[in-house]
Amino acid sequence: RLSQPDVDRLLHQDEVEATQSVTLPKGLNELTLGKVRTCLVQSAVPLSAEQAGLGCGVSRITARRYLEYLVEQGTARVDLSYGTGRPSRQYSVSK
């Protein structure tokens, strides 16, 4: 479970990043990053890239690119879910 300070930190991270003038990697957009981050924070369960894309209104590939960026930044974490077929990457907010 997330505490309120964790949620506040994640939701207001855009403001902190703007003041620090962090440049995003080529092809990433601050507006889309905010949408994907909000979608992830508001989810009660880990999301696949497809689920995140549907929730944010972007493609699965776009969602995965942004989710992987959030993992690199330490904002999100990824776990593999094993079942029939290929393992599924499940993204959630870092604790």
PDB file of N, CA and C in Angstrom:
ATOM      1  N   ARG A   1       0.842  -1.188   0.000  1.00  0.00           N
ATOM      2  CA  ARG A   1       0.000   0.000   0.000  1.00  0.00           C
ATOM      3  C   ARG A   1       0.881   1.243   0.000  1.00  0.00           C
ATOM      4  N   LEU A   2       0.366   2.250  -0.649  1.00  0.00           N
ATOM      5  CA  LEU A   2       1.070   3.525  -0.684  1.00  0.00           C
ATOM      6  C   LEU A   2       0.558   4.445   0.411  1.00  0.00           C
ATOM      7  N   SER A   3       1.462   5.187   0.984  1.00  0.00           N
ATOM      8  CA  SER A   3       1.052   6.195   1.962  1.00  0.00           C
ATOM      9  C   SER A   3       0.699   7.478   1.209  1.00  0.00           C
ATOM     10  N   GLN A   4       0.008   8.372   1.854  1.00  0.00           N
ATOM     11  CA  GLN A   4      -0.374   9.632   1.205  1.00  0.00           C
ATOM     12  C   GLN A   4       0.844  10.430   0.744  1.00  0.00           C
ATOM     13  N   PRO A   5       1.919  10.512   1.533  1.00  0.00           N
ATOM     14  CA  PRO A   5       3.104  11.237   1.047  1.00  0.00           C
ATOM     15  C   PRO A   5       3.691  10.619  -0.233  1.00  0.00           C
ATOM     16  N   ASP A   6       3.632   9.280  -0.364  1.00  0.00           N
ATOM     17  CA  ASP A   6       4.123   8.627  -1.580  1.00  0.00           C
ATOM     18  C   ASP A   6       3.287   9.040  -2.784  1.00  0.00           C
ATOM     19  N   VAL A   7       1.967   9.031  -2.616  1.00  0.00           N
ATOM     20  CA  VAL A   7       1.062   9.423  -3.703  1.00  0.00           C
ATOM     21  C   VAL A   7       1.298  10.885  -4.074  1.00  0.00           C
ATOM     22  N   ASP A   8       1.409  11.755  -3.072  1.00  0.00           N
ATOM     23  CA  ASP A   8       1.660  13.176  -3.331  1.00  0.00           C
ATOM     24  C   ASP A   8       2.964  13.371  -4.091  1.00  0.00           C
ATOM     25  N   ARG A   9       3.998  12.648  -3.681  1.00  0.00           N
ATOM     26  CA  ARG A   9       5.304  12.763  -4.341  1.00  0.00           C
ATOM     27  C   ARG A   9       5.199  12.358  -5.803  1.00  0.00           C
ATOM     28  N   LEU A  10       4.489  11.266  -6.079  1.00  0.00           N
ATOM     29  CA  LEU A  10       4.360  10.791  -7.447  1.00  0.00           C
ATOM     30  C   LEU A  10       3.506  11.722  -8.298  1.00  0.00           C
ATOM     31  N   LEU A  11       2.423  12.223  -7.739  1.00  0.00           N
ATOM     32  CA  LEU A  11       1.542  13.103  -8.504  1.00  0.00           C
ATOM     33  C   LEU A  11       2.176  14.460  -8.777  1.00  0.00           C
ATOM     34  N   HIS A  12       3.026  14.922  -7.889  1.00  0.00           N
ATOM     35  CA  HIS A  12       3.625  16.240  -8.051  1.00  0.00           C
ATOM     36  C   HIS A  12       5.051  16.176  -8.574  1.00  0.00           C
ATOM     37  N   GLN A  13       5.453  15.023  -9.025  1.00  0.00           N
ATOM     38  CA  GLN A  13       6.809  14.865  -9.532  1.00  0.00           C
ATOM     39  C   GLN A  13       7.022  15.708 -10.788  1.00  0.00           C
ATOM     40  N   ASP A  14       5.961  15.906 -11.593  1.00  0.00           N
ATOM     41  CA  ASP A  14       6.088  16.744 -12.789  1.00  0.00           C
ATOM     42  C   ASP A  14       6.551  18.149 -12.420  1.00  0.00           C
ATOM     43  N   GLU A  15       6.003  18.694 -11.338  1.00  0.00           N
ATOM     44  CA  GLU A  15       6.370  20.040 -10.912  1.00  0.00           C
ATOM     45  C   GLU A  15       7.828  20.090 -10.481  1.00  0.00           C
ATOM     46  N   VAL A  16       8.272  19.072  -9.764  1.00  0.00           N
ATOM     47  CA  VAL A  16       9.666  19.015  -9.318  1.00  0.00           C
ATOM     48  C   VAL A  16      10.586  18.888 -10.522  1.00  0.00           C
ATOM     49  N   GLU A  17      10.216  18.028 -11.472  1.00  0.00           N
ATOM     50  CA  GLU A  17      11.048  17.838 -12.655  1.00  0.00           C
ATOM     51  C   GLU A  17      11.111  19.109 -13.482  1.00  0.00           C
ATOM     52  N   ALA A  18      10.009  19.851 -13.546  1.00  0.00           N
ATOM     53  CA  ALA A  18       9.987  21.086 -14.325  1.00  0.00           C
ATOM     54  C   ALA A  18      10.942  22.116 -13.729  1.00  0.00           C
ATOM     55  N   THR A  19      10.990  22.193 -12.411  1.00  0.00           N
ATOM     56  CA  THR A  19      11.884  23.163 -11.781  1.00  0.00           C
ATOM     57  C   THR A  19      13.340  22.739 -11.905  1.00  0.00           C
ATOM     58  N   GLN A  20      13.581  21.462 -12.033  1.00  0.00           N
ATOM     59  CA  GLN A  20      14.950  20.971 -12.190  1.00  0.00           C
ATOM     60  C   GLN A  20      15.348  20.929 -13.661  1.00  0.00           C
ATOM     61  N   SER A  21      14.430  21.276 -14.546  1.00  0.00           N
ATOM     62  CA  SER A  21      14.612  21.266 -15.997  1.00  0.00           C
ATOM     63  C   SER A  21      15.283  19.976 -16.477  1.00  0.00           C
ATOM     64  N   VAL A  22      14.675  18.868 -16.122  1.00  0.00           N
ATOM     65  CA  VAL A  22      15.152  17.564 -16.556  1.00  0.00           C
ATOM     66  C   VAL A  22      14.742  17.378 -18.012  1.00  0.00           C
ATOM     67  N   THR A  23      15.686  16.969 -18.835  1.00  0.00           N
ATOM     68  CA  THR A  23      15.341  16.711 -20.224  1.00  0.00           C
ATOM     69  C   THR A  23      15.027  15.236 -20.383  1.00  0.00           C
ATOM     70  N   LEU A  24      13.933  14.971 -21.060  1.00  0.00           N
ATOM     71  CA  LEU A  24      13.515  13.596 -21.301  1.00  0.00           C
ATOM     72  C   LEU A  24      14.278  13.035 -22.491  1.00  0.00           C
ATOM     73  N   PRO A  25      14.420  11.724 -22.539  1.00  0.00           N
ATOM     74  CA  PRO A  25      15.054  11.109 -23.707  1.00  0.00           C
ATOM     75  C   PRO A  25      14.264  11.424 -24.976  1.00  0.00           C
ATOM     76  N   LYS A  26      14.927  11.354 -26.092  1.00  0.00           N
ATOM     77  CA  LYS A  26      14.298  11.628 -27.384  1.00  0.00           C
ATOM     78  C   LYS A  26      13.056  10.754 -27.561  1.00  0.00           C
ATOM     79  N   GLY A  27      11.982  11.366 -28.013  1.00  0.00           N
ATOM     80  CA  GLY A  27      10.752  10.632 -28.277  1.00  0.00           C
ATOM     81  C   GLY A  27       9.785  10.597 -27.112  1.00  0.00           C
ATOM     82  N   LEU A  28      10.204  11.053 -25.921  1.00  0.00           N
ATOM     83  CA  LEU A  28       9.304  11.080 -24.772  1.00  0.00           C
ATOM     84  C   LEU A  28       8.784  12.499 -24.570  1.00  0.00           C
ATOM     85  N   ASN A  29       7.519  12.582 -24.172  1.00  0.00           N
ATOM     86  CA  ASN A  29       6.828  13.851 -24.004  1.00  0.00           C
ATOM     87  C   ASN A  29       6.352  13.981 -22.565  1.00  0.00           C
ATOM     88  N   GLU A  30       6.504  15.154 -21.969  1.00  0.00           N
ATOM     89  CA  GLU A  30       6.125  15.359 -20.563  1.00  0.00           C
ATOM     90  C   GLU A  30       4.643  15.111 -20.319  1.00  0.00           C
ATOM     91  N   LEU A  31       3.803  15.533 -21.253  1.00  0.00           N
ATOM     92  CA  LEU A  31       2.360  15.363 -21.093  1.00  0.00           C
ATOM     93  C   LEU A  31       1.980  13.883 -21.062  1.00  0.00           C
ATOM     94  N   THR A  32       2.526  13.118 -21.995  1.00  0.00           N
ATOM     95  CA  THR A  32       2.241  11.682 -22.043  1.00  0.00           C
ATOM     96  C   THR A  32       2.832  10.983 -20.826  1.00  0.00           C
ATOM     97  N   LEU A  33       4.014  11.391 -20.415  1.00  0.00           N
ATOM     98  CA  LEU A  33       4.637  10.812 -19.221  1.00  0.00           C
ATOM     99  C   LEU A  33       3.738  11.028 -18.007  1.00  0.00           C
ATOM    100  N   GLY A  34       3.184  12.208 -17.881  1.00  0.00           N
ATOM    101  CA  GLY A  34       2.275  12.499 -16.775  1.00  0.00           C
ATOM    102  C   GLY A  34       1.033  11.627 -16.807  1.00  0.00           C
ATOM    103  N   LYS A  35       0.486  11.400 -18.009  1.00  0.00           N
ATOM    104  CA  LYS A  35      -0.701  10.553 -18.140  1.00  0.00           C
ATOM    105  C   LYS A  35      -0.397   9.117 -17.730  1.00  0.00           C
ATOM    106  N   VAL A  36       0.732   8.594 -18.197  1.00  0.00           N
ATOM    107  CA  VAL A  36       1.101   7.212 -17.878  1.00  0.00           C
ATOM    108  C   VAL A  36       1.393   7.080 -16.384  1.00  0.00           C
ATOM    109  N   ARG A  37       2.097   8.044 -15.814  1.00  0.00           N
ATOM    110  CA  ARG A  37       2.414   8.012 -14.389  1.00  0.00           C
ATOM    111  C   ARG A  37       1.133   8.050 -13.556  1.00  0.00           C
ATOM    112  N   THR A  38       0.199   8.923 -13.910  1.00  0.00           N
ATOM    113  CA  THR A  38      -1.071   9.029 -13.185  1.00  0.00           C
ATOM    114  C   THR A  38      -1.861   7.737 -13.283  1.00  0.00           C
ATOM    115  N   CYS A  39      -1.890   7.145 -14.460  1.00  0.00           N
ATOM    116  CA  CYS A  39      -2.592   5.873 -14.666  1.00  0.00           C
ATOM    117  C   CYS A  39      -2.009   4.797 -13.750  1.00  0.00           C
ATOM    118  N   LEU A  40      -0.697   4.758 -13.651  1.00  0.00           N
ATOM    119  CA  LEU A  40      -0.022   3.763 -12.820  1.00  0.00           C
ATOM    120  C   LEU A  40      -0.295   4.007 -11.333  1.00  0.00           C
ATOM    121  N   VAL A  41      -0.235   5.253 -10.913  1.00  0.00           N
ATOM    122  CA  VAL A  41      -0.461   5.601  -9.506  1.00  0.00           C
ATOM    123  C   VAL A  41      -1.891   5.278  -9.083  1.00  0.00           C
ATOM    124  N   GLN A  42      -2.849   5.525  -9.961  1.00  0.00           N
ATOM    125  CA  GLN A  42      -4.257   5.324  -9.621  1.00  0.00           C
ATOM    126  C   GLN A  42      -4.685   3.863  -9.658  1.00  0.00           C
ATOM    127  N   SER A  43      -3.860   3.002 -10.222  1.00  0.00           N
ATOM    128  CA  SER A  43      -4.211   1.586 -10.309  1.00  0.00           C
ATOM    129  C   SER A  43      -3.942   0.882  -8.982  1.00  0.00           C
ATOM    130  N   ALA A  44      -4.910   0.104  -8.551  1.00  0.00           N
ATOM    131  CA  ALA A  44      -4.764  -0.641  -7.293  1.00  0.00           C
ATOM    132  C   ALA A  44      -3.951  -1.921  -7.482  1.00  0.00           C
ATOM    133  N   VAL A  45      -3.793  -2.348  -8.729  1.00  0.00           N
ATOM    134  CA  VAL A  45      -3.071  -3.588  -9.031  1.00  0.00           C
ATOM    135  C   VAL A  45      -1.999  -3.289 -10.082  1.00  0.00           C
ATOM    136  N   PRO A  46      -0.958  -4.118 -10.162  1.00  0.00           N
ATOM    137  CA  PRO A  46       0.045  -3.937 -11.214  1.00  0.00           C
ATOM    138  C   PRO A  46      -0.595  -4.013 -12.599  1.00  0.00           C
ATOM    139  N   LEU A  47      -0.052  -3.247 -13.538  1.00  0.00           N
ATOM    140  CA  LEU A  47      -0.592  -3.169 -14.892  1.00  0.00           C
ATOM    141  C   LEU A  47       0.399  -3.701 -15.915  1.00  0.00           C
ATOM    142  N   SER A  48      -0.124  -4.333 -16.943  1.00  0.00           N
ATOM    143  CA  SER A  48       0.702  -4.665 -18.102  1.00  0.00           C
ATOM    144  C   SER A  48       0.769  -3.411 -18.971  1.00  0.00           C
ATOM    145  N   ALA A  49       1.654  -3.386 -19.938  1.00  0.00           N
ATOM    146  CA  ALA A  49       1.749  -2.241 -20.842  1.00  0.00           C
ATOM    147  C   ALA A  49       0.441  -2.073 -21.613  1.00  0.00           C
ATOM    148  N   GLU A  50      -0.191  -3.173 -21.971  1.00  0.00           N
ATOM    149  CA  GLU A  50      -1.462  -3.099 -22.700  1.00  0.00           C
ATOM    150  C   GLU A  50      -2.547  -2.462 -21.837  1.00  0.00           C
ATOM    151  N   GLN A  51      -2.637  -2.879 -20.580  1.00  0.00           N
ATOM    152  CA  GLN A  51      -3.636  -2.305 -19.668  1.00  0.00           C
ATOM    153  C   GLN A  51      -3.368  -0.821 -19.431  1.00  0.00           C
ATOM    154  N   ALA A  52      -2.108  -0.467 -19.251  1.00  0.00           N
ATOM    155  CA  ALA A  52      -1.753   0.939 -19.047  1.00  0.00           C
ATOM    156  C   ALA A  52      -2.098   1.756 -20.284  1.00  0.00           C
ATOM    157  N   GLY A  53      -1.819   1.209 -21.450  1.00  0.00           N
ATOM    158  CA  GLY A  53      -2.145   1.908 -22.692  1.00  0.00           C
ATOM    159  C   GLY A  53      -3.632   2.153 -22.841  1.00  0.00           C
ATOM    160  N   LEU A  54      -4.422   1.132 -22.537  1.00  0.00           N
ATOM    161  CA  LEU A  54      -5.877   1.287 -22.619  1.00  0.00           C
ATOM    162  C   LEU A  54      -6.370   2.330 -21.621  1.00  0.00           C
ATOM    163  N   GLY A  55      -5.817   2.308 -20.427  1.00  0.00           N
ATOM    164  CA  GLY A  55      -6.229   3.257 -19.395  1.00  0.00           C
ATOM    165  C   GLY A  55      -5.816   4.692 -19.685  1.00  0.00           C
ATOM    166  N   CYS A  56      -4.713   4.856 -20.415  1.00  0.00           N
ATOM    167  CA  CYS A  56      -4.180   6.198 -20.692  1.00  0.00           C
ATOM    168  C   CYS A  56      -4.562   6.719 -22.067  1.00  0.00           C
ATOM    169  N   GLY A  57      -5.068   5.842 -22.910  1.00  0.00           N
ATOM    170  CA  GLY A  57      -5.419   6.264 -24.264  1.00  0.00           C
ATOM    171  C   GLY A  57      -4.234   6.333 -25.205  1.00  0.00           C
ATOM    172  N   VAL A  58      -3.216   5.497 -24.950  1.00  0.00           N
ATOM    173  CA  VAL A  58      -2.056   5.422 -25.843  1.00  0.00           C
ATOM    174  C   VAL A  58      -1.857   3.967 -26.263  1.00  0.00           C
ATOM    175  N   SER A  59      -0.996   3.749 -27.238  1.00  0.00           N
ATOM    176  CA  SER A  59      -0.749   2.380 -27.692  1.00  0.00           C
ATOM    177  C   SER A  59       0.041   1.594 -26.647  1.00  0.00           C
ATOM    178  N   ARG A  60       0.019   0.281 -26.776  1.00  0.00           N
ATOM    179  CA  ARG A  60       0.769  -0.596 -25.872  1.00  0.00           C
ATOM    180  C   ARG A  60       2.261  -0.281 -25.939  1.00  0.00           C
ATOM    181  N   ILE A  61       2.764  -0.064 -27.141  1.00  0.00           N
ATOM    182  CA  ILE A  61       4.188   0.217 -27.335  1.00  0.00           C
ATOM    183  C   ILE A  61       4.573   1.534 -26.661  1.00  0.00           C
ATOM    184  N   THR A  62       3.744   2.555 -26.835  1.00  0.00           N
ATOM    185  CA  THR A  62       4.008   3.851 -26.203  1.00  0.00           C
ATOM    186  C   THR A  62       3.974   3.716 -24.689  1.00  0.00           C
ATOM    187  N   ALA A  63       2.964   3.026 -24.181  1.00  0.00           N
ATOM    188  CA  ALA A  63       2.855   2.827 -22.730  1.00  0.00           C
ATOM    189  C   ALA A  63       4.094   2.113 -22.206  1.00  0.00           C
ATOM    190  N   ARG A  64       4.538   1.085 -22.906  1.00  0.00           N
ATOM    191  CA  ARG A  64       5.713   0.340 -22.439  1.00  0.00           C
ATOM    192  C   ARG A  64       6.959   1.222 -22.430  1.00  0.00           C
ATOM    193  N   ARG A  65       7.127   2.049 -23.459  1.00  0.00           N
ATOM    194  CA  ARG A  65       8.289   2.934 -23.517  1.00  0.00           C
ATOM    195  C   ARG A  65       8.312   3.866 -22.300  1.00  0.00           C
ATOM    196  N   TYR A  66       7.166   4.438 -21.960  1.00  0.00           N
ATOM    197  CA  TYR A  66       7.091   5.344 -20.810  1.00  0.00           C
ATOM    198  C   TYR A  66       7.218   4.583 -19.492  1.00  0.00           C
ATOM    199  N   LEU A  67       6.624   3.412 -19.402  1.00  0.00           N
ATOM    200  CA  LEU A  67       6.737   2.607 -18.182  1.00  0.00           C
ATOM    201  C   LEU A  67       8.186   2.203 -17.935  1.00  0.00           C
ATOM    202  N   GLU A  68       8.882   1.810 -18.983  1.00  0.00           N
ATOM    203  CA  GLU A  68      10.294   1.442 -18.837  1.00  0.00           C
ATOM    204  C   GLU A  68      11.123   2.654 -18.400  1.00  0.00           C
ATOM    205  N   TYR A  69      10.787   3.833 -18.892  1.00  0.00           N
ATOM    206  CA  TYR A  69      11.474   5.052 -18.454  1.00  0.00           C
ATOM    207  C   TYR A  69      11.239   5.277 -16.959  1.00  0.00           C
ATOM    208  N   LEU A  70       9.991   5.090 -16.506  1.00  0.00           N
ATOM    209  CA  LEU A  70       9.682   5.252 -15.083  1.00  0.00           C
ATOM    210  C   LEU A  70      10.444   4.237 -14.235  1.00  0.00           C
ATOM    211  N   VAL A  71      10.628   3.023 -14.758  1.00  0.00           N
ATOM    212  CA  VAL A  71      11.412   2.005 -14.052  1.00  0.00           C
ATOM    213  C   VAL A  71      12.870   2.466 -13.949  1.00  0.00           C
ATOM    214  N   GLU A  72      13.426   2.981 -15.046  1.00  0.00           N
ATOM    215  CA  GLU A  72      14.808   3.472 -15.039  1.00  0.00           C
ATOM    216  C   GLU A  72      14.999   4.596 -14.024  1.00  0.00           C
ATOM    217  N   GLN A  73      13.987   5.438 -13.870  1.00  0.00           N
ATOM    218  CA  GLN A  73      14.054   6.572 -12.952  1.00  0.00           C
ATOM    219  C   GLN A  73      13.796   6.170 -11.503  1.00  0.00           C
ATOM    220  N   GLY A  74      13.351   4.924 -11.288  1.00  0.00           N
ATOM    221  CA  GLY A  74      13.083   4.459  -9.934  1.00  0.00           C
ATOM    222  C   GLY A  74      11.685   4.783  -9.430  1.00  0.00           C
ATOM    223  N   THR A  75      10.850   5.355 -10.280  1.00  0.00           N
ATOM    224  CA  THR A  75       9.483   5.710  -9.902  1.00  0.00           C
ATOM    225  C   THR A  75       8.566   4.499  -9.936  1.00  0.00           C
ATOM    226  N   ALA A  76       8.859   3.571 -10.842  1.00  0.00           N
ATOM    227  CA  ALA A  76       8.040   2.368 -10.992  1.00  0.00           C
ATOM    228  C   ALA A  76       8.933   1.142 -10.892  1.00  0.00           C
ATOM    229  N   ARG A  77       8.301   0.005 -10.712  1.00  0.00           N
ATOM    230  CA  ARG A  77       9.039  -1.264 -10.705  1.00  0.00           C
ATOM    231  C   ARG A  77       8.329  -2.231 -11.638  1.00  0.00           C
ATOM    232  N   VAL A  78       9.067  -3.213 -12.091  1.00  0.00           N
ATOM    233  CA  VAL A  78       8.502  -4.202 -13.003  1.00  0.00           C
ATOM    234  C   VAL A  78       8.753  -5.591 -12.434  1.00  0.00           C
ATOM    235  N   ASP A  79       7.746  -6.429 -12.521  1.00  0.00           N
ATOM    236  CA  ASP A  79       7.853  -7.824 -12.109  1.00  0.00           C
ATOM    237  C   ASP A  79       7.366  -8.689 -13.259  1.00  0.00           C
ATOM    238  N   LEU A  80       7.908  -9.886 -13.340  1.00  0.00           N
ATOM    239  CA  LEU A  80       7.456 -10.820 -14.363  1.00  0.00           C
ATOM    240  C   LEU A  80       6.384 -11.726 -13.781  1.00  0.00           C
ATOM    241  N   SER A  81       5.317 -11.898 -14.537  1.00  0.00           N
ATOM    242  CA  SER A  81       4.227 -12.779 -14.135  1.00  0.00           C
ATOM    243  C   SER A  81       4.264 -13.992 -15.062  1.00  0.00           C
ATOM    244  N   TYR A  82       4.504 -15.163 -14.481  1.00  0.00           N
ATOM    245  CA  TYR A  82       4.640 -16.373 -15.280  1.00  0.00           C
ATOM    246  C   TYR A  82       3.320 -17.113 -15.361  1.00  0.00           C
ATOM    247  N   GLY A  83       2.997 -17.549 -16.530  1.00  0.00           N
ATOM    248  CA  GLY A  83       1.794 -18.335 -16.773  1.00  0.00           C
ATOM    249  C   GLY A  83       2.017 -19.110 -18.054  1.00  0.00           C
ATOM    250  N   THR A  84       0.959 -19.434 -18.727  1.00  0.00           N
ATOM    251  CA  THR A  84       1.076 -20.106 -20.013  1.00  0.00           C
ATOM    252  C   THR A  84       1.609 -19.112 -21.034  1.00  0.00           C
ATOM    253  N   GLY A  85       2.593 -19.529 -21.809  1.00  0.00           N
ATOM    254  CA  GLY A  85       3.168 -18.643 -22.817  1.00  0.00           C
ATOM    255  C   GLY A  85       4.281 -17.790 -22.240  1.00  0.00           C
ATOM    256  N   ARG A  86       4.486 -16.665 -22.866  1.00  0.00           N
ATOM    257  CA  ARG A  86       5.555 -15.756 -22.443  1.00  0.00           C
ATOM    258  C   ARG A  86       5.242 -15.113 -21.100  1.00  0.00           C
ATOM    259  N   PRO A  87       6.280 -14.818 -20.327  1.00  0.00           N
ATOM    260  CA  PRO A  87       6.050 -14.081 -19.077  1.00  0.00           C
ATOM    261  C   PRO A  87       5.508 -12.683 -19.392  1.00  0.00           C
ATOM    262  N   SER A  88       4.662 -12.189 -18.536  1.00  0.00           N
ATOM    263  CA  SER A  88       4.072 -10.863 -18.700  1.00  0.00           C
ATOM    264  C   SER A  88       4.779  -9.886 -17.762  1.00  0.00           C
ATOM    265  N   ARG A  89       5.139  -8.711 -18.278  1.00  0.00           N
ATOM    266  CA  ARG A  89       5.762  -7.667 -17.457  1.00  0.00           C
ATOM    267  C   ARG A  89       4.646  -6.876 -16.787  1.00  0.00           C
ATOM    268  N   GLN A  90       4.671  -6.830 -15.465  1.00  0.00           N
ATOM    269  CA  GLN A  90       3.649  -6.129 -14.685  1.00  0.00           C
ATOM    270  C   GLN A  90       4.299  -4.933 -13.984  1.00  0.00           C
ATOM    271  N   TYR A  91       3.779  -3.748 -14.235  1.00  0.00           N
ATOM    272  CA  TYR A  91       4.350  -2.509 -13.703  1.00  0.00           C
ATOM    273  C   TYR A  91       3.532  -2.009 -12.520  1.00  0.00           C
ATOM    274  N   SER A  92       4.233  -1.509 -11.511  1.00  0.00           N
ATOM    275  CA  SER A  92       3.572  -0.933 -10.342  1.00  0.00           C
ATOM    276  C   SER A  92       4.440   0.210  -9.819  1.00  0.00           C
ATOM    277  N   VAL A  93       3.877   0.992  -8.918  1.00  0.00           N
ATOM    278  CA  VAL A  93       4.595   2.119  -8.326  1.00  0.00           C
ATOM    279  C   VAL A  93       5.646   1.582  -7.361  1.00  0.00           C
ATOM    280  N   SER A  94       6.850   2.157  -7.413  1.00  0.00           N
ATOM    281  CA  SER A  94       7.905   1.755  -6.472  1.00  0.00           C
ATOM    282  C   SER A  94       7.507   2.139  -5.066  1.00  0.00           C
ATOM    283  N   LYS A  95       7.918   1.305  -4.125  1.00  0.00           N
ATOM    284  CA  LYS A  95       7.594   1.576  -2.717  1.00  0.00           C
ATOM    285  C   LYS A  95       8.703   2.336  -2.054  1.00  0.00           C
TER     286      LYS A  95
END
